Structures are given as C-alpha cells and as structure tokens.
Amino acid sequence: MYLFNRETDDDWWEVEALFDLAFAPGREALSSYRLRDGNPTADDLCLVARDPDGILAGAIRYWPVSVQSTPALLLGPVAVHPTRQGEGLGGLMIEESLDRATGWDRVMLIGDAPYYGRFGFLPLVGVVMPPPTNPDRVLGRELTPGAWEGVVGDVTPPKSS
C-alpha cells in the first residue's frame, strides 16, 4: 500500500536523490533536461509515493511543453526505489498522475516502447525531441481521443504568455 501525494518543496532533495540513484548523477545531461531548465513543473501532477511508514518509494514529475504551438505534457522522470521495483509501483504512479491530468489532452515521454506501451503510449512519428534523442523512443498517449492527430514538429518549452 502506497500513499500518493503531490510533491512539495520539502520532498525535493529526497526525490532528487532517488532520481540520481535510479538514473545516475549524469541524468541532467540528457536532452529532455533542456526542456526542463527554467520551465516550472506541472505541480499538480508531480507525485511522491510513500509507504505507510513515510518512506519514499517512488516519484514522478511532469513538465509542460509545446509541439509547435500545441501544448503537451512531458512525463519524466519517473523512478521507483530499487528495493521497491517489481511491485507495479511505476505503473500505479503513471496511472494515478494521468488520472489527475484534467485539462490536458496529450502526454509524451522518452522511453522504452515495450514498457510504456502497457500504459497506452505509442510512437509519435514526426514529433522531434532535442538531439540526441532516438526517435523510436519518443512516445505519446492521448488523454482526449484524437489529441495527437496531426501534431508534428519540434518539442520546445511552452511559449510564455
């Protein structure tokens, strides 16, 4: 049993340590981090999963992005503590957070199609992440039917209003 709560400022260091453990400290060199720098998270969707003792078991974050002028969510990172892997927690965090994504039509990520395909993510042909990103790893899920139809182009931080 896990409790899902919005990530708070008090969680930040603990979540960052989990991401470093899961992805190695060099994770911030990945191309997706160029979309995150200076771009505030979609706070309502960034969750921490804690066990009944309050121990952090997993975390997930989202960022607003644009594909040309079309808004989308960028899922990631998502991490489960190594001692909790294999329990289905990653999938629970994905589904719980997407259930909260009211007002959003589409979500994308960079990841393994066999894993994320289980959660409805499919390849996004024509959606281009900053290099070097393998285009076969650019995946999306429609939160509104047809939301990815005709959406192509470069992924950028959202336009400031």
Protein backbone atom coordinates (compact mmCIF):
# COMPACT_ATOMS: atom_id res chain seq x y z
CA MET A 1 0.00 0.00 0.00
CA TYR A 2 1.34 3.36 -1.03
CA LEU A 3 0.14 6.87 -0.38
CA PHE A 4 0.32 9.25 -3.35
CA ASN A 5 0.76 12.93 -2.57
CA ARG A 6 1.74 15.99 -4.51
CA GLU A 7 5.47 16.60 -4.36
CA THR A 8 6.27 19.56 -2.09
CA ASP A 9 9.37 21.67 -1.58
CA ASP A 10 10.11 19.52 1.48
CA ASP A 11 10.30 16.42 -0.75
CA TRP A 12 12.69 17.96 -3.31
CA TRP A 13 16.09 16.75 -2.00
CA GLU A 14 14.81 13.27 -1.26
CA VAL A 15 13.24 12.98 -4.72
CA GLU A 16 16.40 14.29 -6.40
CA ALA A 17 18.44 11.66 -4.53
CA LEU A 18 16.04 8.97 -5.75
CA PHE A 19 16.38 10.17 -9.35
CA ASP A 20 20.18 10.18 -9.01
CA LEU A 21 20.05 6.63 -7.64
CA ALA A 22 17.75 5.45 -10.43
CA PHE A 23 19.37 7.26 -13.35
CA ALA A 24 22.90 8.21 -12.20
CA PRO A 25 24.01 11.76 -11.48
CA GLY A 26 24.71 12.43 -15.18
CA ARG A 27 20.97 12.24 -15.94
CA GLU A 28 20.78 16.02 -16.27
CA ALA A 29 22.89 15.81 -19.44
CA LEU A 30 20.00 14.10 -21.25
CA SER A 31 18.34 16.14 -24.00
CA SER A 32 15.00 16.16 -22.19
CA TYR A 33 16.56 18.25 -19.42
CA ARG A 34 16.97 21.13 -21.89
CA LEU A 35 13.17 21.29 -21.93
CA ARG A 36 13.04 21.32 -18.14
CA ASP A 37 15.65 24.01 -17.40
CA GLY A 38 13.84 27.17 -16.30
CA ASN A 39 10.48 25.53 -17.01
CA PRO A 40 8.34 25.03 -13.90
CA THR A 41 6.85 21.59 -13.38
CA ALA A 42 3.17 20.80 -13.76
CA ASP A 43 2.96 20.79 -9.96
CA ASP A 44 -0.46 19.15 -9.61
CA LEU A 45 0.83 16.04 -11.39
CA CYS A 46 4.23 15.65 -9.69
CA LEU A 47 3.69 12.92 -7.14
CA VAL A 48 5.61 11.08 -4.46
CA ALA A 49 4.69 7.57 -3.37
CA ARG A 50 5.39 6.73 0.26
CA ASP A 51 4.83 3.55 2.20
CA PRO A 52 2.76 3.63 5.42
CA ASP A 53 5.95 4.45 7.37
CA GLY A 54 6.51 7.55 5.25
CA ILE A 55 9.50 6.14 3.36
CA LEU A 56 9.84 7.39 -0.21
CA ALA A 57 9.25 4.53 -2.65
CA GLY A 58 8.83 6.42 -5.92
CA ALA A 59 8.35 9.76 -7.61
CA ILE A 60 7.05 11.10 -10.92
CA ARG A 61 7.28 14.55 -12.49
CA TYR A 62 5.65 16.30 -15.45
CA TRP A 63 6.57 19.41 -17.40
CA PRO A 64 4.54 21.49 -19.83
CA VAL A 65 5.98 21.57 -23.35
CA SER A 66 4.85 22.59 -26.82
CA VAL A 67 4.96 20.75 -30.12
CA GLN A 68 4.95 23.69 -32.50
CA SER A 69 2.17 25.67 -30.76
CA THR A 70 0.31 22.65 -29.38
CA PRO A 71 0.54 22.16 -25.59
CA ALA A 72 1.53 18.77 -24.20
CA LEU A 73 2.80 17.23 -21.01
CA LEU A 74 6.29 15.73 -20.83
CA LEU A 75 6.28 12.81 -18.40
CA GLY A 76 9.53 12.16 -16.63
CA PRO A 77 11.44 11.37 -14.79
CA VAL A 78 9.63 8.54 -13.08
CA ALA A 79 11.57 6.40 -10.63
CA VAL A 80 10.97 3.63 -8.15
CA HIS A 81 13.46 2.90 -5.40
CA PRO A 82 15.44 -0.26 -6.26
CA THR A 83 14.10 -2.03 -3.16
CA ARG A 84 10.52 -1.47 -4.41
CA GLN A 85 10.93 -2.37 -8.07
CA GLY A 86 8.86 -5.19 -9.49
CA GLU A 87 5.80 -4.30 -7.39
CA GLY A 88 4.00 -2.36 -10.14
CA LEU A 89 4.56 0.98 -8.43
CA GLY A 90 5.83 2.71 -11.59
CA GLY A 91 2.61 1.86 -13.40
CA LEU A 92 0.49 2.93 -10.45
CA MET A 93 2.23 6.32 -10.38
CA ILE A 94 1.75 6.78 -14.13
CA GLU A 95 -1.97 5.97 -13.98
CA GLU A 96 -2.63 7.93 -10.77
CA SER A 97 -0.91 11.03 -12.11
CA LEU A 98 -2.61 10.84 -15.51
CA ASP A 99 -5.97 10.44 -13.79
CA ARG A 100 -5.24 13.87 -12.27
CA ALA A 101 -4.31 15.46 -15.62
CA THR A 102 -7.61 17.24 -16.15
CA GLY A 103 -7.35 19.99 -18.71
CA TRP A 104 -4.57 18.25 -20.66
CA ASP A 105 -5.18 16.46 -23.94
CA ARG A 106 -1.86 14.73 -24.60
CA VAL A 107 1.23 13.47 -22.84
CA MET A 108 4.60 12.37 -24.18
CA LEU A 109 7.80 10.83 -22.90
CA ILE A 110 11.14 9.40 -23.94
CA GLY A 111 11.26 5.71 -23.08
CA ASP A 112 11.07 2.06 -23.96
CA ALA A 113 8.02 1.24 -26.08
CA PRO A 114 7.58 -2.29 -24.65
CA TYR A 115 7.33 -0.93 -21.09
CA TYR A 116 5.30 2.23 -21.72
CA GLY A 117 3.10 0.58 -24.34
CA ARG A 118 1.39 -1.23 -21.45
CA PHE A 119 0.08 2.18 -20.37
CA GLY A 120 -1.18 3.24 -23.78
CA PHE A 121 1.92 5.04 -25.06
CA LEU A 122 2.61 4.72 -28.78
CA PRO A 123 5.39 6.05 -31.05
CA LEU A 124 4.97 9.69 -32.06
CA VAL A 125 6.05 9.93 -35.68
CA GLY A 126 7.04 13.47 -36.59
CA VAL A 127 7.39 14.75 -33.03
CA VAL A 128 11.05 15.73 -32.65
CA MET A 129 12.86 15.96 -29.32
CA PRO A 130 16.13 17.88 -28.97
CA PRO A 131 19.10 15.80 -30.14
CA PRO A 132 20.48 13.36 -29.40
CA THR A 133 17.19 11.53 -28.92
CA ASN A 134 16.37 8.25 -30.63
CA PRO A 135 13.07 8.97 -32.47
CA ASP A 136 11.88 5.41 -31.73
CA ARG A 137 11.82 6.33 -28.02
CA VAL A 138 9.52 9.36 -28.46
CA LEU A 139 6.14 8.07 -27.26
CA GLY A 140 2.78 9.64 -26.60
CA ARG A 141 -0.61 8.92 -25.14
CA GLU A 142 -3.86 10.67 -25.92
CA LEU A 143 -5.81 11.82 -22.89
CA THR A 144 -8.52 13.08 -25.27
CA PRO A 145 -9.32 10.92 -28.31
CA GLY A 146 -7.52 12.19 -31.41
CA ALA A 147 -5.33 14.60 -29.45
CA TRP A 148 -2.09 13.60 -31.23
CA GLU A 149 -3.61 13.53 -34.74
CA GLY A 150 -1.74 15.96 -36.98
CA VAL A 151 0.58 17.13 -34.19
CA VAL A 152 4.14 17.20 -35.54
CA GLY A 153 7.23 19.32 -35.11
CA ASP A 154 9.91 20.21 -32.62
CA VAL A 155 9.28 19.88 -28.89
CA THR A 156 10.10 23.12 -27.05
CA PRO A 157 9.39 24.67 -23.67
CA PRO A 158 5.94 26.26 -23.64
CA LYS A 159 5.62 29.75 -25.02
CA SER A 160 5.44 32.44 -22.34
CA SER A 161 2.27 34.45 -22.37
